[in-house]
Amino acid sequence: SILVLFWALFTIWIVLTPLSFLVLLVYIHPSVQSKSITSLADSCRFLWQDYDPSMIYWDVIDTWRKIFLTGLIMLIDTQEGSNKMLRLVIAGIVSVLFFGILLAFRPYKRKDDYNLAFLSNFFLVCCFSLGMILKLCGETDGSDNDNGGSISFCSRFIGDYFNSYRASLMVVLLTFSMLILTTAFLIILGIKKVKEPIVYMVST
């Protein structure tokens, strides 16, 4: 019964949810492009209002990215994936690819949204990179050097200064930095919204 529940939720969230977003966006795309917003397009405004009309499907791409990084990646090497670097490498490649697409197409209408997306994706790439260092520096195996001694993988490929402790500290600092910057962005946006002039229309 647990397996049946798993596949049911897997189908609903990972398959049907992005497809539903895509079908809705395809259906309302003409009305959004012509700026004649229908009731359905207005109800689905959360899917497209933050993006340029030419990048109306961006939310579908972003949803697939999030689903892959938070769920589907666990299906890679289910036996020993948690002890290997393969998942981190694939997650890092996907994040860098998405980061490059974000920089190339700039899908957001507002500069504030773009800056926040830039920072969050940059920090995500940094966290995956530091995760690789953590995994590599956590290895206890070593290899022989020219003098016949044994050196760790961390010292061999990363260096003696940047060890697992410093990598962990960097991950924590990046997480707190992202929280602080997100809070600051929200406060700034709230202040701007309050200070925006309001125009009232009075009928005569």
N, C-alpha and C. Protein backbone atom coordinates (compact mmCIF):
# COMPACT_ATOMS: atom_id res chain seq x y z
N SER A 1 0.83 -1.21 0.00
CA SER A 1 0.00 0.00 0.00
C SER A 1 0.86 1.25 0.00
N ILE A 2 2.01 1.19 0.67
CA ILE A 2 2.91 2.35 0.69
C ILE A 2 3.47 2.61 -0.70
N LEU A 3 3.78 1.52 -1.42
CA LEU A 3 4.31 1.67 -2.77
C LEU A 3 3.26 2.27 -3.71
N VAL A 4 2.01 1.85 -3.55
CA VAL A 4 0.92 2.41 -4.36
C VAL A 4 0.75 3.89 -4.07
N LEU A 5 0.81 4.25 -2.78
CA LEU A 5 0.69 5.67 -2.40
C LEU A 5 1.85 6.48 -2.96
N PHE A 6 3.06 5.89 -2.94
CA PHE A 6 4.22 6.58 -3.49
C PHE A 6 4.02 6.89 -4.97
N TRP A 7 3.62 5.89 -5.75
CA TRP A 7 3.47 6.12 -7.19
C TRP A 7 2.31 7.06 -7.50
N ALA A 8 1.27 7.03 -6.66
CA ALA A 8 0.16 7.97 -6.86
C ALA A 8 0.62 9.40 -6.64
N LEU A 9 1.32 9.64 -5.52
CA LEU A 9 1.83 10.99 -5.25
C LEU A 9 2.90 11.39 -6.25
N PHE A 10 3.72 10.43 -6.67
CA PHE A 10 4.74 10.69 -7.68
C PHE A 10 4.11 11.18 -8.98
N THR A 11 3.03 10.52 -9.39
CA THR A 11 2.34 10.90 -10.62
C THR A 11 1.68 12.26 -10.49
N ILE A 12 1.06 12.50 -9.34
CA ILE A 12 0.32 13.75 -9.16
C ILE A 12 1.29 14.94 -9.12
N TRP A 13 2.34 14.84 -8.32
CA TRP A 13 3.22 16.00 -8.12
C TRP A 13 4.26 16.15 -9.22
N ILE A 14 4.96 15.09 -9.54
CA ILE A 14 6.10 15.20 -10.44
C ILE A 14 5.68 15.21 -11.91
N VAL A 15 4.58 14.56 -12.24
CA VAL A 15 4.17 14.46 -13.64
C VAL A 15 3.00 15.40 -13.95
N LEU A 16 1.91 15.27 -13.20
CA LEU A 16 0.68 16.00 -13.55
C LEU A 16 0.75 17.48 -13.23
N THR A 17 1.43 17.86 -12.15
CA THR A 17 1.48 19.29 -11.80
C THR A 17 2.20 20.13 -12.85
N PRO A 18 3.42 19.78 -13.27
CA PRO A 18 4.05 20.59 -14.34
C PRO A 18 3.29 20.52 -15.66
N LEU A 19 2.71 19.36 -15.98
CA LEU A 19 1.93 19.25 -17.21
C LEU A 19 0.68 20.12 -17.15
N SER A 20 0.06 20.18 -15.98
CA SER A 20 -1.11 21.06 -15.83
C SER A 20 -0.74 22.52 -16.02
N PHE A 21 0.40 22.93 -15.45
CA PHE A 21 0.88 24.29 -15.66
C PHE A 21 1.11 24.56 -17.14
N LEU A 22 1.73 23.59 -17.82
CA LEU A 22 2.05 23.76 -19.24
C LEU A 22 0.78 23.87 -20.08
N VAL A 23 -0.20 23.02 -19.82
CA VAL A 23 -1.45 23.04 -20.58
C VAL A 23 -2.18 24.37 -20.38
N LEU A 24 -2.22 24.84 -19.13
CA LEU A 24 -2.88 26.11 -18.85
C LEU A 24 -2.18 27.27 -19.56
N LEU A 25 -0.85 27.28 -19.54
CA LEU A 25 -0.12 28.35 -20.20
C LEU A 25 -0.27 28.32 -21.71
N VAL A 26 -0.30 27.13 -22.29
CA VAL A 26 -0.54 27.03 -23.73
C VAL A 26 -1.92 27.56 -24.10
N TYR A 27 -2.89 27.28 -23.25
CA TYR A 27 -4.27 27.70 -23.53
C TYR A 27 -4.45 29.21 -23.41
N ILE A 28 -3.80 29.81 -22.39
CA ILE A 28 -4.00 31.25 -22.17
C ILE A 28 -2.95 32.10 -22.87
N HIS A 29 -1.99 31.47 -23.53
CA HIS A 29 -0.91 32.22 -24.18
C HIS A 29 -1.41 33.27 -25.17
N PRO A 30 -2.35 32.94 -26.06
CA PRO A 30 -2.84 33.97 -27.00
C PRO A 30 -3.44 35.18 -26.32
N SER A 31 -4.21 34.98 -25.27
CA SER A 31 -4.84 36.12 -24.58
C SER A 31 -3.81 36.97 -23.85
N VAL A 32 -2.78 36.34 -23.32
CA VAL A 32 -1.73 37.10 -22.64
C VAL A 32 -0.91 37.89 -23.65
N GLN A 33 -0.61 37.28 -24.79
CA GLN A 33 0.16 37.97 -25.82
C GLN A 33 -0.61 39.16 -26.39
N SER A 34 -1.92 39.00 -26.57
CA SER A 34 -2.74 40.09 -27.11
C SER A 34 -3.19 41.08 -26.04
N LYS A 35 -2.83 40.79 -24.76
CA LYS A 35 -3.19 41.64 -23.62
C LYS A 35 -4.70 41.79 -23.43
N SER A 36 -5.44 40.81 -23.92
CA SER A 36 -6.88 40.75 -23.64
C SER A 36 -7.10 39.62 -22.64
N ILE A 37 -6.91 39.96 -21.37
CA ILE A 37 -6.87 38.95 -20.32
C ILE A 37 -8.26 38.40 -20.06
N THR A 38 -8.39 37.09 -20.22
CA THR A 38 -9.65 36.41 -19.93
C THR A 38 -9.71 36.08 -18.44
N SER A 39 -10.85 35.56 -18.01
CA SER A 39 -11.00 35.19 -16.60
C SER A 39 -10.07 34.05 -16.23
N LEU A 40 -9.88 33.10 -17.14
CA LEU A 40 -8.95 31.99 -16.87
C LEU A 40 -7.51 32.50 -16.78
N ALA A 41 -7.13 33.37 -17.69
CA ALA A 41 -5.78 33.94 -17.66
C ALA A 41 -5.55 34.74 -16.38
N ASP A 42 -6.58 35.44 -15.94
CA ASP A 42 -6.47 36.20 -14.70
C ASP A 42 -6.33 35.28 -13.50
N SER A 43 -7.03 34.14 -13.52
CA SER A 43 -6.93 33.17 -12.43
C SER A 43 -5.56 32.51 -12.39
N CYS A 44 -4.91 32.39 -13.55
CA CYS A 44 -3.58 31.78 -13.64
C CYS A 44 -2.47 32.81 -13.64
N ARG A 45 -2.77 34.00 -13.17
CA ARG A 45 -1.80 35.09 -13.24
C ARG A 45 -0.51 34.77 -12.48
N PHE A 46 -0.60 33.93 -11.45
CA PHE A 46 0.60 33.59 -10.68
C PHE A 46 1.62 32.81 -11.51
N LEU A 47 1.20 32.26 -12.65
CA LEU A 47 2.10 31.49 -13.50
C LEU A 47 2.86 32.36 -14.50
N TRP A 48 2.36 33.56 -14.82
CA TRP A 48 2.96 34.32 -15.91
C TRP A 48 3.18 35.80 -15.63
N GLN A 49 2.58 36.36 -14.60
CA GLN A 49 2.61 37.82 -14.46
C GLN A 49 4.00 38.36 -14.13
N ASP A 50 4.89 37.54 -13.57
CA ASP A 50 6.22 38.03 -13.22
C ASP A 50 7.23 37.94 -14.36
N TYR A 51 6.83 37.38 -15.49
CA TYR A 51 7.76 37.12 -16.58
C TYR A 51 7.39 37.92 -17.83
N ASP A 52 8.37 38.12 -18.69
CA ASP A 52 8.12 38.74 -19.98
C ASP A 52 7.20 37.85 -20.82
N PRO A 53 6.38 38.44 -21.69
CA PRO A 53 5.46 37.63 -22.51
C PRO A 53 6.17 36.57 -23.35
N SER A 54 7.40 36.84 -23.77
CA SER A 54 8.13 35.85 -24.56
C SER A 54 8.65 34.69 -23.71
N MET A 55 8.65 34.86 -22.37
CA MET A 55 9.14 33.82 -21.45
C MET A 55 8.02 33.34 -20.55
N ILE A 56 6.83 33.19 -21.11
CA ILE A 56 5.66 32.84 -20.31
C ILE A 56 5.77 31.44 -19.72
N TYR A 57 6.56 30.57 -20.34
CA TYR A 57 6.67 29.19 -19.87
C TYR A 57 7.82 29.00 -18.86
N TRP A 58 8.39 30.07 -18.39
CA TRP A 58 9.54 29.97 -17.50
C TRP A 58 9.20 29.24 -16.20
N ASP A 59 8.00 29.45 -15.69
CA ASP A 59 7.62 28.82 -14.43
C ASP A 59 7.59 27.30 -14.55
N VAL A 60 7.24 26.79 -15.72
CA VAL A 60 7.24 25.34 -15.94
C VAL A 60 8.67 24.81 -15.87
N ILE A 61 9.60 25.51 -16.51
CA ILE A 61 11.01 25.10 -16.48
C ILE A 61 11.55 25.15 -15.06
N ASP A 62 11.22 26.21 -14.34
CA ASP A 62 11.70 26.35 -12.97
C ASP A 62 11.10 25.28 -12.06
N THR A 63 9.84 24.93 -12.29
CA THR A 63 9.20 23.87 -11.50
C THR A 63 9.88 22.52 -11.73
N TRP A 64 10.19 22.22 -12.98
CA TRP A 64 10.88 20.97 -13.28
C TRP A 64 12.26 20.94 -12.63
N ARG A 65 12.94 22.07 -12.64
CA ARG A 65 14.26 22.14 -12.00
C ARG A 65 14.15 21.85 -10.51
N LYS A 66 13.20 22.48 -9.85
CA LYS A 66 13.03 22.27 -8.41
C LYS A 66 12.65 20.83 -8.10
N ILE A 67 11.75 20.26 -8.91
CA ILE A 67 11.36 18.87 -8.68
C ILE A 67 12.55 17.93 -8.86
N PHE A 68 13.37 18.20 -9.86
CA PHE A 68 14.53 17.34 -10.10
C PHE A 68 15.53 17.42 -8.95
N LEU A 69 15.84 18.65 -8.50
CA LEU A 69 16.86 18.83 -7.47
C LEU A 69 16.39 18.37 -6.10
N THR A 70 15.08 18.38 -5.85
CA THR A 70 14.58 18.01 -4.52
C THR A 70 14.00 16.61 -4.46
N GLY A 71 13.75 15.96 -5.61
CA GLY A 71 13.12 14.66 -5.58
C GLY A 71 13.71 13.63 -6.53
N LEU A 72 13.70 13.96 -7.82
CA LEU A 72 14.12 12.99 -8.82
C LEU A 72 15.59 12.60 -8.69
N ILE A 73 16.38 13.51 -8.15
CA ILE A 73 17.81 13.21 -8.02
C ILE A 73 18.06 12.06 -7.05
N MET A 74 17.10 11.80 -6.15
CA MET A 74 17.24 10.69 -5.22
C MET A 74 17.13 9.34 -5.92
N LEU A 75 16.60 9.33 -7.14
CA LEU A 75 16.48 8.08 -7.89
C LEU A 75 17.79 7.70 -8.59
N ILE A 76 18.78 8.58 -8.54
CA ILE A 76 20.08 8.28 -9.13
C ILE A 76 20.90 7.47 -8.13
N ASP A 77 21.28 6.28 -8.52
CA ASP A 77 22.09 5.39 -7.68
C ASP A 77 21.43 5.22 -6.31
N THR A 78 20.26 4.59 -6.31
CA THR A 78 19.49 4.45 -5.07
C THR A 78 20.20 3.61 -4.02
N GLN A 79 21.14 2.78 -4.43
CA GLN A 79 21.81 1.91 -3.46
C GLN A 79 22.88 2.64 -2.66
N GLU A 80 23.77 3.34 -3.34
CA GLU A 80 24.90 3.99 -2.67
C GLU A 80 25.02 5.46 -3.04
N GLY A 81 23.92 6.05 -3.52
CA GLY A 81 23.98 7.45 -3.96
C GLY A 81 24.32 8.43 -2.87
N SER A 82 23.89 8.15 -1.63
CA SER A 82 24.16 9.07 -0.54
C SER A 82 25.62 9.06 -0.12
N ASN A 83 26.37 8.03 -0.52
CA ASN A 83 27.78 7.93 -0.16
C ASN A 83 28.71 8.31 -1.30
N LYS A 84 28.16 8.65 -2.45
CA LYS A 84 28.96 8.98 -3.62
C LYS A 84 28.76 10.44 -4.02
N MET A 85 29.57 10.90 -4.95
CA MET A 85 29.52 12.29 -5.40
C MET A 85 28.68 12.48 -6.65
N LEU A 86 28.15 11.40 -7.22
CA LEU A 86 27.46 11.51 -8.51
C LEU A 86 26.27 12.45 -8.43
N ARG A 87 25.47 12.33 -7.39
CA ARG A 87 24.29 13.20 -7.25
C ARG A 87 24.70 14.67 -7.16
N LEU A 88 25.75 14.95 -6.39
CA LEU A 88 26.22 16.33 -6.26
C LEU A 88 26.72 16.87 -7.59
N VAL A 89 27.42 16.03 -8.33
CA VAL A 89 27.95 16.48 -9.63
C VAL A 89 26.81 16.79 -10.59
N ILE A 90 25.81 15.89 -10.66
CA ILE A 90 24.67 16.11 -11.57
C ILE A 90 23.88 17.33 -11.13
N ALA A 91 23.65 17.47 -9.82
CA ALA A 91 22.91 18.65 -9.32
C ALA A 91 23.68 19.93 -9.62
N GLY A 92 24.99 19.90 -9.50
CA GLY A 92 25.78 21.08 -9.82
C GLY A 92 25.72 21.42 -11.30
N ILE A 93 25.76 20.40 -12.15
CA ILE A 93 25.68 20.66 -13.60
C ILE A 93 24.32 21.26 -13.96
N VAL A 94 23.25 20.69 -13.41
CA VAL A 94 21.91 21.20 -13.69
C VAL A 94 21.77 22.65 -13.20
N SER A 95 22.30 22.93 -12.03
CA SER A 95 22.20 24.28 -11.47
C SER A 95 22.99 25.29 -12.29
N VAL A 96 24.19 24.91 -12.73
CA VAL A 96 25.00 25.81 -13.56
C VAL A 96 24.32 26.04 -14.91
N LEU A 97 23.74 24.98 -15.48
CA LEU A 97 23.02 25.12 -16.76
C LEU A 97 21.84 26.07 -16.62
N PHE A 98 21.05 25.88 -15.56
CA PHE A 98 19.91 26.76 -15.33
C PHE A 98 20.37 28.19 -15.06
N PHE A 99 21.46 28.35 -14.33
CA PHE A 99 22.01 29.67 -14.05
C PHE A 99 22.42 30.38 -15.33
N GLY A 100 23.04 29.63 -16.24
CA GLY A 100 23.41 30.21 -17.53
C GLY A 100 22.21 30.62 -18.36
N ILE A 101 21.16 29.79 -18.36
CA ILE A 101 19.93 30.14 -19.08
C ILE A 101 19.29 31.38 -18.48
N LEU A 102 19.30 31.47 -17.14
CA LEU A 102 18.76 32.66 -16.47
C LEU A 102 19.50 33.92 -16.88
N LEU A 103 20.83 33.84 -16.94
CA LEU A 103 21.63 35.01 -17.33
C LEU A 103 21.41 35.37 -18.79
N ALA A 104 21.20 34.37 -19.64
CA ALA A 104 21.06 34.62 -21.08
C ALA A 104 19.70 35.22 -21.43
N PHE A 105 18.63 34.74 -20.82
CA PHE A 105 17.28 35.13 -21.25
C PHE A 105 16.63 36.17 -20.36
N ARG A 106 17.08 36.31 -19.10
CA ARG A 106 16.52 37.33 -18.19
C ARG A 106 15.00 37.37 -18.28
N PRO A 107 14.33 36.35 -17.78
CA PRO A 107 12.88 36.22 -18.02
C PRO A 107 12.00 37.14 -17.18
N TYR A 108 12.54 37.72 -16.13
CA TYR A 108 11.70 38.48 -15.20
C TYR A 108 11.45 39.91 -15.70
N LYS A 109 10.25 40.39 -15.42
CA LYS A 109 9.91 41.77 -15.76
C LYS A 109 10.59 42.75 -14.82
N ARG A 110 10.53 42.45 -13.54
CA ARG A 110 11.09 43.35 -12.53
C ARG A 110 12.56 43.03 -12.27
N LYS A 111 13.34 44.06 -12.14
CA LYS A 111 14.77 43.89 -11.88
C LYS A 111 14.99 43.28 -10.50
N ASP A 112 14.13 43.60 -9.54
CA ASP A 112 14.27 43.04 -8.19
C ASP A 112 14.12 41.53 -8.21
N ASP A 113 13.14 41.02 -8.96
CA ASP A 113 12.94 39.58 -9.06
C ASP A 113 14.14 38.90 -9.72
N TYR A 114 14.68 39.56 -10.74
CA TYR A 114 15.84 39.00 -11.43
C TYR A 114 17.06 38.95 -10.50
N ASN A 115 17.28 40.02 -9.74
CA ASN A 115 18.42 40.05 -8.82
C ASN A 115 18.30 38.97 -7.74
N LEU A 116 17.08 38.79 -7.22
CA LEU A 116 16.88 37.77 -6.21
C LEU A 116 17.09 36.37 -6.78
N ALA A 117 16.60 36.13 -8.00
CA ALA A 117 16.81 34.84 -8.66
C ALA A 117 18.29 34.62 -8.94
N PHE A 118 18.98 35.67 -9.34
CA PHE A 118 20.43 35.57 -9.59
C PHE A 118 21.17 35.15 -8.33
N LEU A 119 20.87 35.82 -7.23
CA LEU A 119 21.57 35.52 -5.97
C LEU A 119 21.25 34.11 -5.47
N SER A 120 19.98 33.73 -5.53
CA SER A 120 19.60 32.41 -5.03
C SER A 120 20.25 31.29 -5.85
N ASN A 121 20.30 31.44 -7.17
CA ASN A 121 20.92 30.42 -8.01
C ASN A 121 22.44 30.41 -7.84
N PHE A 122 23.02 31.58 -7.64
CA PHE A 122 24.46 31.64 -7.39
C PHE A 122 24.81 30.93 -6.09
N PHE A 123 24.03 31.19 -5.03
CA PHE A 123 24.28 30.53 -3.76
C PHE A 123 24.05 29.02 -3.86
N LEU A 124 23.07 28.63 -4.67
CA LEU A 124 22.80 27.20 -4.84
C LEU A 124 23.98 26.49 -5.50
N VAL A 125 24.54 27.12 -6.53
CA VAL A 125 25.72 26.55 -7.20
C VAL A 125 26.89 26.47 -6.22
N CYS A 126 27.06 27.50 -5.40
CA CYS A 126 28.13 27.49 -4.40
C CYS A 126 27.93 26.38 -3.38
N CYS A 127 26.69 26.16 -2.95
CA CYS A 127 26.41 25.12 -1.96
C CYS A 127 26.70 23.73 -2.53
N PHE A 128 26.33 23.48 -3.78
CA PHE A 128 26.64 22.18 -4.38
C PHE A 128 28.15 22.01 -4.55
N SER A 129 28.85 23.08 -4.91
CA SER A 129 30.30 22.99 -5.05
C SER A 129 30.95 22.70 -3.70
N LEU A 130 30.48 23.39 -2.65
CA LEU A 130 31.01 23.12 -1.32
C LEU A 130 30.62 21.73 -0.83
N GLY A 131 29.44 21.25 -1.26
CA GLY A 131 29.06 19.89 -0.92
C GLY A 131 30.00 18.86 -1.50
N MET A 132 30.49 19.12 -2.72
CA MET A 132 31.48 18.21 -3.31
C MET A 132 32.77 18.22 -2.49
N ILE A 133 33.16 19.42 -2.02
CA ILE A 133 34.36 19.50 -1.19
C ILE A 133 34.15 18.75 0.13
N LEU A 134 32.96 18.90 0.71
CA LEU A 134 32.65 18.19 1.95
C LEU A 134 32.73 16.68 1.74
N LYS A 135 32.17 16.21 0.64
CA LYS A 135 32.19 14.78 0.36
C LYS A 135 33.62 14.30 0.12
N LEU A 136 34.39 15.11 -0.61
CA LEU A 136 35.76 14.71 -0.92
C LEU A 136 36.63 14.76 0.32
N CYS A 137 36.45 15.79 1.14
CA CYS A 137 37.27 15.91 2.35
C CYS A 137 36.82 14.97 3.45
N GLY A 138 35.64 14.42 3.32
CA GLY A 138 35.16 13.46 4.31
C GLY A 138 35.70 12.07 4.08
N GLU A 139 36.33 11.86 2.92
CA GLU A 139 36.90 10.55 2.63
C GLU A 139 38.14 10.33 3.49
N THR A 140 38.25 9.14 4.03
CA THR A 140 39.40 8.81 4.87
C THR A 140 40.50 8.11 4.08
N ASP A 141 40.16 7.67 2.84
CA ASP A 141 41.17 6.99 2.05
C ASP A 141 42.23 7.96 1.59
N GLY A 142 43.39 7.50 1.33
CA GLY A 142 44.47 8.34 0.87
C GLY A 142 45.24 7.67 -0.24
N SER A 143 46.18 8.40 -0.79
CA SER A 143 47.03 7.86 -1.84
C SER A 143 48.47 8.20 -1.51
N ASP A 144 49.38 7.43 -2.03
CA ASP A 144 50.79 7.61 -1.73
C ASP A 144 51.35 8.80 -2.48
N ASN A 145 52.19 9.57 -1.81
CA ASN A 145 52.86 10.68 -2.48
C ASN A 145 54.26 10.25 -2.94
N ASP A 146 55.02 11.19 -3.43
CA ASP A 146 56.34 10.88 -3.98
C ASP A 146 57.31 10.41 -2.90
N ASN A 147 57.06 10.82 -1.65
CA ASN A 147 57.96 10.45 -0.56
C ASN A 147 57.58 9.14 0.12
N GLY A 148 56.57 8.49 -0.42
CA GLY A 148 56.15 7.22 0.16
C GLY A 148 55.13 7.35 1.26
N GLY A 149 54.74 8.58 1.62
CA GLY A 149 53.73 8.78 2.64
C GLY A 149 52.33 8.71 2.06
N SER A 150 51.36 8.93 2.94
CA SER A 150 49.96 8.88 2.51
C SER A 150 49.33 10.25 2.68
N ILE A 151 48.66 10.72 1.65
CA ILE A 151 47.95 12.00 1.72
C ILE A 151 46.49 11.76 1.41
N SER A 152 45.61 12.58 2.02
CA SER A 152 44.17 12.41 1.83
C SER A 152 43.74 12.98 0.49
N PHE A 153 42.54 12.57 0.07
CA PHE A 153 41.99 13.11 -1.17
C PHE A 153 41.79 14.62 -1.06
N CYS A 154 41.41 15.09 0.13
CA CYS A 154 41.18 16.53 0.32
C CYS A 154 42.46 17.31 0.10
N SER A 155 43.56 16.83 0.68
CA SER A 155 44.83 17.52 0.50
C SER A 155 45.34 17.41 -0.92
N ARG A 156 45.03 16.30 -1.57
CA ARG A 156 45.54 16.07 -2.91
C ARG A 156 44.85 16.94 -3.95
N PHE A 157 43.51 17.09 -3.85
CA PHE A 157 42.75 17.78 -4.89
C PHE A 157 42.27 19.17 -4.48
N ILE A 158 42.11 19.42 -3.20
CA ILE A 158 41.60 20.72 -2.74
C ILE A 158 42.71 21.57 -2.14
N GLY A 159 43.53 20.96 -1.31
CA GLY A 159 44.58 21.71 -0.62
C GLY A 159 44.47 21.51 0.88
N ASP A 160 45.51 21.91 1.58
CA ASP A 160 45.54 21.72 3.03
C ASP A 160 44.72 22.77 3.78
N TYR A 161 44.55 23.94 3.19
CA TYR A 161 43.88 25.02 3.92
C TYR A 161 42.37 24.82 3.95
N PHE A 162 41.77 24.47 2.81
CA PHE A 162 40.31 24.40 2.70
C PHE A 162 39.87 22.98 3.03
N ASN A 163 39.60 22.71 4.31
CA ASN A 163 39.22 21.38 4.76
C ASN A 163 37.70 21.27 4.91
N SER A 164 37.23 20.14 5.43
CA SER A 164 35.79 19.91 5.56
C SER A 164 35.14 20.87 6.55
N TYR A 165 35.87 21.25 7.61
CA TYR A 165 35.31 22.18 8.59
C TYR A 165 35.05 23.54 7.95
N ARG A 166 36.01 24.04 7.21
CA ARG A 166 35.84 25.35 6.57
C ARG A 166 34.77 25.29 5.48
N ALA A 167 34.66 24.17 4.78
CA ALA A 167 33.60 24.02 3.78
C ALA A 167 32.23 24.02 4.45
N SER A 168 32.10 23.33 5.59
CA SER A 168 30.84 23.34 6.33
C SER A 168 30.48 24.74 6.81
N LEU A 169 31.50 25.45 7.29
CA LEU A 169 31.27 26.83 7.74
C LEU A 169 30.82 27.72 6.60
N MET A 170 31.39 27.52 5.41
CA MET A 170 30.98 28.30 4.25
C MET A 170 29.54 28.02 3.86
N VAL A 171 29.12 26.76 3.94
CA VAL A 171 27.73 26.41 3.62
C VAL A 171 26.78 27.10 4.58
N VAL A 172 27.11 27.08 5.88
CA VAL A 172 26.27 27.74 6.88
C VAL A 172 26.21 29.24 6.64
N LEU A 173 27.34 29.85 6.33
CA LEU A 173 27.38 31.29 6.07
C LEU A 173 26.59 31.66 4.82
N LEU A 174 26.68 30.83 3.78
CA LEU A 174 25.91 31.08 2.56
C LEU A 174 24.41 30.97 2.83
N THR A 175 24.02 29.99 3.65
CA THR A 175 22.59 29.82 3.97
C THR A 175 22.07 31.04 4.72
N PHE A 176 22.82 31.49 5.73
CA PHE A 176 22.40 32.67 6.47
C PHE A 176 22.42 33.92 5.59
N SER A 177 23.38 34.01 4.70
CA SER A 177 23.43 35.17 3.80
C SER A 177 22.21 35.21 2.90
N MET A 178 21.80 34.03 2.40
CA MET A 178 20.62 33.98 1.55
C MET A 178 19.37 34.38 2.32
N LEU A 179 19.25 33.92 3.57
CA LEU A 179 18.09 34.30 4.39
C LEU A 179 18.07 35.80 4.66
N ILE A 180 19.23 36.35 4.97
CA ILE A 180 19.31 37.79 5.25
C ILE A 180 18.99 38.61 4.00
N LEU A 181 19.55 38.22 2.85
CA LEU A 181 19.30 38.96 1.62
C LEU A 181 17.84 38.86 1.18
N THR A 182 17.24 37.67 1.35
CA THR A 182 15.83 37.52 1.00
C THR A 182 14.96 38.40 1.88
N THR A 183 15.24 38.40 3.18
CA THR A 183 14.48 39.27 4.10
C THR A 183 14.66 40.73 3.74
N ALA A 184 15.90 41.13 3.40
CA ALA A 184 16.14 42.52 3.02
C ALA A 184 15.40 42.89 1.75
N PHE A 185 15.37 41.98 0.77
CA PHE A 185 14.63 42.23 -0.47
C PHE A 185 13.14 42.42 -0.18
N LEU A 186 12.59 41.56 0.67
CA LEU A 186 11.16 41.67 0.99
C LEU A 186 10.85 42.97 1.70
N ILE A 187 11.73 43.38 2.61
CA ILE A 187 11.51 44.65 3.32
C ILE A 187 11.58 45.83 2.36
N ILE A 188 12.59 45.81 1.48
CA ILE A 188 12.73 46.91 0.50
C ILE A 188 11.52 46.97 -0.43
N LEU A 189 11.06 45.81 -0.89
CA LEU A 189 9.89 45.79 -1.77
C LEU A 189 8.65 46.28 -1.05
N GLY A 190 8.52 45.90 0.24
CA GLY A 190 7.38 46.38 1.02
C GLY A 190 7.40 47.89 1.20
N ILE A 191 8.58 48.44 1.46
CA ILE A 191 8.70 49.90 1.62
C ILE A 191 8.38 50.61 0.31
N LYS A 192 8.88 50.08 -0.79
CA LYS A 192 8.59 50.68 -2.10
C LYS A 192 7.09 50.64 -2.40
N LYS A 193 6.46 49.52 -2.03
CA LYS A 193 5.03 49.38 -2.29
C LYS A 193 4.22 50.38 -1.48
N VAL A 194 4.63 50.60 -0.23
CA VAL A 194 3.90 51.55 0.62
C VAL A 194 4.06 52.97 0.11
N LYS A 195 5.26 53.29 -0.40
CA LYS A 195 5.53 54.66 -0.84
C LYS A 195 5.04 54.96 -2.25
N GLU A 196 4.54 53.95 -2.96
CA GLU A 196 4.04 54.21 -4.31
C GLU A 196 2.81 55.11 -4.26
N PRO A 197 2.76 56.10 -5.13
CA PRO A 197 1.59 56.98 -5.14
C PRO A 197 0.34 56.24 -5.63
N ILE A 198 -0.78 56.57 -5.05
CA ILE A 198 -2.06 55.96 -5.40
C ILE A 198 -2.93 57.00 -6.09
N VAL A 199 -3.44 56.65 -7.23
CA VAL A 199 -4.30 57.54 -8.01
C VAL A 199 -5.73 57.06 -7.88
N TYR A 200 -6.59 57.92 -7.39
CA TYR A 200 -8.00 57.59 -7.22
C TYR A 200 -8.80 58.23 -8.35
N MET A 201 -9.67 57.47 -8.98
CA MET A 201 -10.52 57.95 -10.03
C MET A 201 -11.89 58.34 -9.44
N VAL A 202 -12.27 59.57 -9.66
CA VAL A 202 -13.55 60.05 -9.14
C VAL A 202 -14.45 60.39 -10.32
N SER A 203 -15.62 59.77 -10.34
CA SER A 203 -16.56 60.04 -11.43
C SER A 203 -17.30 61.33 -11.16
N THR A 204 -17.60 62.08 -12.22
CA THR A 204 -18.33 63.34 -12.08
C THR A 204 -19.60 63.27 -12.91
